[in-house]
Every structure is written in structure tokens, then in C-alpha cells.
């Protein structure tokens, strides 16, 4: 069972298998109070959460992971290339200029998203004291047996997480199914101001194309059943 949590701006996911739960990402820190009711609705509790697996180290994905680790000892997994950022709460250095960032705020959707993220703690890079680093191709010993595929570009350690037993692919921000600036629907690669390397982000799309997954779950935007190849083609066409 997969349940989408969060809001219209940021999604994270509850993956349940055999009564145990993995959280894929942890939203924004201000989403913490939504977790317990969501688990209860699924017939689960925090005692059933065995792992948090991050697609990358941005604050709208690390969210409340550090808090759950401190309060409940839940292990947090992240790709090795994003592990230092996750532990130390380092801010990402994107390739976008300050002018690029300001230009995004011309759009009403971007202003609404920014206000929401600041209100929910997204202005501060959260820390996770201890992380379990993994590498490209690793199959994680967590509920759902997620396999990590390294897709750098949005961050150095960005991954997509393949769950074959659930016919699912957790895409993180390798592709968004809504434009995070304009609000336009459909597959997009994040804008330059949000990436460490936009060229690399487009190159990484090739790692999604051959994966078998009936449903793609995004950090931003609604899930898609179009399949990885079609989603990648749509994102490339919008470059």
C-alpha cells in the first residue's frame, strides 16, 4: 500500500508492506503533525515506521526526518553524495543566479509556494544527526525493498527509488509533474535556479526510461500512470 501525504506543493509517501512502513521523504518540517493521523488512517502507528528513505537532501524532503530519528530512533537513509548535507544541514549551492531566483517570483504560483514553504519550515535546512549512506544500485533493507538509482543534477546525491513489488517508482525531484514556478501541469525538470546542474539533471532522465513501473510518484505534482518512458519524453520536450 502506498499513501501520498503532504499538500499541493510538496508530497511525501507512506509505503506499507507486511504491516511495516517506510517513509519516502519527510516533506517539510511543519508537516510533522499530519503523520500520526495518516498512519492511524492506514491502521498503523509510529511504532510501525521502520525507515525513512530520502530521495535527496533538500529541506522540503528532509523535513521532520531528524525529529523522528531523535524521538523514535528511526533510521534515515540517503545517497552518499547527499549524506554530508543531510547531517550538517548545509544549504545547496545551485547554478541559478540571484536574478534567476527573483525572476521566479513574478509568477503567482511561485509566490504561493514560497509563502507555504517558509510557513512550514522550508527556509531552514534541517539536520539529521546520523544517516545510513547508500550507493547507486543498492537494494535497501527496508519495507518495500527499495532499489536506489542515482540521478544527480537536482542535487549531487539525488536518487529515484524503485519498488518493483509495488509496481512503483518514487521520482523525487528528478522530474516534477507540475512546474514549480508557473504551476503548469505535466512533466518538467526543475528550473535552473533549483538545480546544481540542469544539464546533468536532463542526462539523468535516461536512467528512468528503462524502468518498469506502473505508477510514478513525484515530490511535486500528482502521480502518473503514463510510465517512465512517456514521462521522460514529456519532460525532455519541455526543455
Protein backbone atom coordinates (compact mmCIF):
# COMPACT_ATOMS: atom_id res chain seq x y z
CA UNK A 1 0.00 0.00 0.00
CA UNK A 2 1.24 3.47 -0.91
CA UNK A 3 -0.32 6.61 0.52
CA UNK A 4 0.51 10.13 -0.69
CA UNK A 5 0.92 12.67 2.10
CA UNK A 6 1.61 16.38 2.17
CA UNK A 7 -0.08 19.23 0.29
CA UNK A 8 -0.49 20.56 -3.23
CA UNK A 9 3.05 21.95 -3.00
CA UNK A 10 5.07 19.09 -1.53
CA UNK A 11 4.43 15.33 -1.41
CA UNK A 12 5.97 12.55 0.61
CA UNK A 13 4.88 8.94 0.85
CA UNK A 14 3.96 6.16 3.22
CA UNK A 15 4.83 2.72 1.86
CA UNK A 16 3.39 -0.19 3.87
CA UNK A 17 4.39 -3.81 3.40
CA UNK A 18 3.51 -6.69 5.70
CA UNK A 19 2.48 -4.33 8.48
CA UNK A 20 5.69 -2.31 8.41
CA UNK A 21 6.19 1.17 6.97
CA UNK A 22 8.85 3.10 5.09
CA UNK A 23 8.50 6.84 4.69
CA UNK A 24 9.81 8.01 1.33
CA UNK A 25 10.94 11.55 2.13
CA UNK A 26 9.61 13.53 5.08
CA UNK A 27 8.03 16.59 3.49
CA UNK A 28 8.51 19.92 5.22
CA UNK A 29 9.24 20.02 8.94
CA UNK A 30 5.85 21.66 9.52
CA UNK A 31 4.09 18.57 8.17
CA UNK A 32 5.04 16.53 11.24
CA UNK A 33 1.59 16.86 12.83
CA UNK A 34 -0.04 15.23 9.78
CA UNK A 35 1.89 11.99 10.09
CA UNK A 36 0.21 10.31 13.07
CA UNK A 37 -3.35 10.77 11.73
CA UNK A 38 -2.25 9.45 8.34
CA UNK A 39 -0.67 6.39 9.91
CA UNK A 40 -3.78 5.82 12.03
CA UNK A 41 -5.97 6.01 8.92
CA UNK A 42 -3.85 3.22 7.45
CA UNK A 43 -4.18 1.16 10.65
CA UNK A 44 -0.57 1.86 11.64
CA UNK A 45 1.39 3.91 14.17
CA UNK A 46 4.89 5.35 14.53
CA UNK A 47 5.97 2.03 16.04
CA UNK A 48 5.45 0.52 12.57
CA UNK A 49 7.72 3.03 10.81
CA UNK A 50 11.00 1.18 10.29
CA UNK A 51 12.84 3.57 7.97
CA UNK A 52 12.88 6.97 6.29
CA UNK A 53 14.47 6.94 2.84
CA UNK A 54 15.28 10.31 1.29
CA UNK A 55 15.36 10.93 -2.43
CA UNK A 56 17.68 13.87 -1.72
CA UNK A 57 18.74 16.38 0.89
CA UNK A 58 16.63 19.46 0.12
CA UNK A 59 14.66 20.86 3.08
CA UNK A 60 11.25 20.03 1.59
CA UNK A 61 12.27 16.35 1.53
CA UNK A 62 14.38 16.02 4.70
CA UNK A 63 11.58 17.75 6.63
CA UNK A 64 10.95 16.15 10.02
CA UNK A 65 13.24 13.13 9.47
CA UNK A 66 15.70 14.33 12.10
CA UNK A 67 12.93 14.82 14.64
CA UNK A 68 11.64 11.27 14.15
CA UNK A 69 15.15 9.92 14.46
CA UNK A 70 15.67 11.77 17.76
CA UNK A 71 12.29 10.89 19.23
CA UNK A 72 11.82 7.33 17.95
CA UNK A 73 15.22 6.15 16.75
CA UNK A 74 14.03 5.67 13.16
CA UNK A 75 16.95 5.19 10.76
CA UNK A 76 17.34 7.66 7.89
CA UNK A 77 18.83 6.57 4.56
CA UNK A 78 20.26 8.93 1.93
CA UNK A 79 22.64 8.64 -1.01
CA UNK A 80 26.28 9.02 -0.03
CA UNK A 81 26.73 12.18 -2.11
CA UNK A 82 23.98 13.96 -0.12
CA UNK A 83 24.86 12.47 3.27
CA UNK A 84 27.04 15.35 4.49
CA UNK A 85 24.39 17.92 3.60
CA UNK A 86 21.79 15.85 5.44
CA UNK A 87 23.88 15.50 8.60
CA UNK A 88 25.14 19.07 8.73
CA UNK A 89 22.13 20.91 7.34
CA UNK A 90 24.15 22.53 4.57
CA UNK A 91 22.32 24.68 2.03
CA UNK A 92 22.57 23.58 -1.60
CA UNK A 93 24.59 25.75 -3.97
CA UNK A 94 22.52 25.81 -7.13
CA UNK A 95 23.70 27.03 -10.52
CA UNK A 96 20.99 29.72 -10.64
CA UNK A 97 21.85 33.37 -10.03
CA UNK A 98 20.02 35.66 -7.57
CA UNK A 99 18.36 37.22 -10.61
CA UNK A 100 17.02 33.79 -11.60
CA UNK A 101 15.56 33.35 -8.12
CA UNK A 102 13.90 36.75 -8.17
CA UNK A 103 12.55 36.10 -11.66
CA UNK A 104 10.69 33.04 -10.38
CA UNK A 105 8.69 35.26 -8.04
CA UNK A 106 7.00 37.01 -10.95
CA UNK A 107 4.65 34.02 -11.00
CA UNK A 108 1.76 33.82 -8.57
CA UNK A 109 2.20 30.05 -8.11
CA UNK A 110 5.83 30.52 -7.09
CA UNK A 111 4.88 33.21 -4.57
CA UNK A 112 2.18 30.98 -3.05
CA UNK A 113 4.56 28.04 -2.87
CA UNK A 114 7.29 30.14 -1.26
CA UNK A 115 4.93 31.52 1.39
CA UNK A 116 3.74 28.00 2.17
CA UNK A 117 7.23 26.54 2.40
CA UNK A 118 8.51 29.31 4.65
CA UNK A 119 5.47 28.93 6.92
CA UNK A 120 6.09 25.16 7.14
CA UNK A 121 9.80 25.39 7.91
CA UNK A 122 11.29 25.12 4.44
CA UNK A 123 13.51 28.19 4.84
CA UNK A 124 15.79 26.27 7.18
CA UNK A 125 17.88 23.29 6.15
CA UNK A 126 17.07 20.61 8.74
CA UNK A 127 19.76 18.35 10.17
CA UNK A 128 19.73 14.59 10.69
CA UNK A 129 22.39 13.59 13.22
CA UNK A 130 23.01 10.10 11.82
CA UNK A 131 22.35 8.80 8.33
CA UNK A 132 22.85 5.46 6.63
CA UNK A 133 24.51 6.20 3.27
CA UNK A 134 23.80 4.09 0.23
CA UNK A 135 25.11 3.94 -3.31
CA UNK A 136 23.77 3.59 -6.82
CA UNK A 137 22.09 0.25 -7.37
CA UNK A 138 21.78 -0.66 -3.70
CA UNK A 139 18.67 -2.51 -2.60
CA UNK A 140 17.74 -1.15 0.80
CA UNK A 141 16.75 -3.49 3.61
CA UNK A 142 13.58 -1.56 4.41
CA UNK A 143 9.87 -2.33 3.96
CA UNK A 144 9.31 -2.31 0.19
CA UNK A 145 12.92 -3.31 -0.64
CA UNK A 146 13.58 -0.05 -2.45
CA UNK A 147 16.32 -0.01 -5.09
CA UNK A 148 18.23 3.26 -5.45
CA UNK A 149 19.08 4.67 -8.88
CA UNK A 150 21.44 7.64 -8.74
CA UNK A 151 20.03 10.56 -10.76
CA UNK A 152 22.23 13.59 -9.98
CA UNK A 153 21.53 17.08 -11.24
CA UNK A 154 18.88 18.45 -8.92
CA UNK A 155 21.31 17.61 -6.12
CA UNK A 156 24.58 15.70 -6.19
CA UNK A 157 23.05 12.71 -4.42
CA UNK A 158 19.56 12.69 -5.87
CA UNK A 159 18.06 9.24 -6.42
CA UNK A 160 14.86 7.71 -7.68
CA UNK A 161 13.61 4.75 -5.67
CA UNK A 162 12.21 1.71 -7.46
CA UNK A 163 9.76 -0.56 -5.65
CA UNK A 164 9.11 -3.45 -8.09
CA UNK A 165 6.87 -5.30 -5.62
CA UNK A 166 4.55 -2.28 -5.64
CA UNK A 167 4.99 -1.52 -9.38
CA UNK A 168 6.09 1.94 -8.27
CA UNK A 169 8.83 4.49 -8.85
CA UNK A 170 9.40 7.34 -6.39
CA UNK A 171 10.83 10.07 -8.58
CA UNK A 172 11.65 12.75 -6.00
CA UNK A 173 12.62 15.86 -7.96
CA UNK A 174 14.32 14.12 -10.89
CA UNK A 175 11.08 15.08 -12.65
CA UNK A 176 8.23 17.19 -11.29
CA UNK A 177 4.69 16.61 -12.52
CA UNK A 178 3.92 20.30 -12.13
CA UNK A 179 6.13 23.27 -12.92
CA UNK A 180 7.21 24.50 -9.50
CA UNK A 181 7.32 28.11 -10.68
CA UNK A 182 4.37 28.54 -13.03
CA UNK A 183 2.07 25.79 -11.75
CA UNK A 184 1.69 24.33 -15.27
CA UNK A 185 0.70 20.65 -15.12
CA UNK A 186 2.75 17.88 -16.66
CA UNK A 187 6.31 16.57 -16.52
CA UNK A 188 9.08 19.14 -16.09
CA UNK A 189 12.67 19.13 -14.96
CA UNK A 190 13.15 21.65 -12.15
CA UNK A 191 14.29 25.13 -13.28
CA UNK A 192 17.95 26.10 -13.31
CA UNK A 193 17.70 28.06 -10.07
CA UNK A 194 16.77 24.85 -8.21
CA UNK A 195 19.49 22.55 -9.61
CA UNK A 196 23.18 22.01 -9.02
CA UNK A 197 23.42 21.12 -12.73
CA UNK A 198 20.46 21.29 -15.08
CA UNK A 199 22.43 19.61 -17.89
CA UNK A 200 23.16 16.71 -15.56
CA UNK A 201 19.51 16.57 -14.48
CA UNK A 202 18.48 16.06 -18.11
CA UNK A 203 21.20 13.44 -18.61
CA UNK A 204 19.90 11.56 -15.56
CA UNK A 205 16.48 11.19 -17.16
CA UNK A 206 17.92 8.38 -19.24
CA UNK A 207 18.26 6.28 -16.10
CA UNK A 208 14.48 6.31 -15.64
CA UNK A 209 13.45 5.33 -19.15
CA UNK A 210 14.04 1.59 -18.95
CA UNK A 211 12.49 1.06 -15.52
CA UNK A 212 9.27 -0.90 -15.20
CA UNK A 213 6.79 0.96 -13.01
CA UNK A 214 3.05 1.30 -13.38
CA UNK A 215 2.86 4.42 -11.23
CA UNK A 216 5.33 7.28 -10.78
CA UNK A 217 5.17 9.25 -7.53
CA UNK A 218 6.60 12.77 -7.54
CA UNK A 219 7.82 15.19 -4.91
CA UNK A 220 5.76 17.86 -6.66
CA UNK A 221 2.68 17.06 -8.73
CA UNK A 222 0.18 14.25 -8.90
CA UNK A 223 1.17 10.62 -9.53
CA UNK A 224 1.25 9.43 -13.13
CA UNK A 225 0.41 6.08 -14.73
CA UNK A 226 1.85 7.09 -18.12
CA UNK A 227 5.04 5.11 -17.48
CA UNK A 228 8.67 6.25 -17.11
CA UNK A 229 9.40 6.47 -20.83
CA UNK A 230 6.43 8.73 -21.55
CA UNK A 231 7.11 10.95 -18.54
CA UNK A 232 10.75 11.36 -19.55
CA UNK A 233 9.76 12.19 -23.14
CA UNK A 234 7.33 14.84 -21.90
CA UNK A 235 9.96 16.43 -19.65
CA UNK A 236 12.55 16.50 -22.44
CA UNK A 237 10.07 18.05 -24.85
CA UNK A 238 9.63 21.00 -22.49
CA UNK A 239 13.31 21.86 -22.31
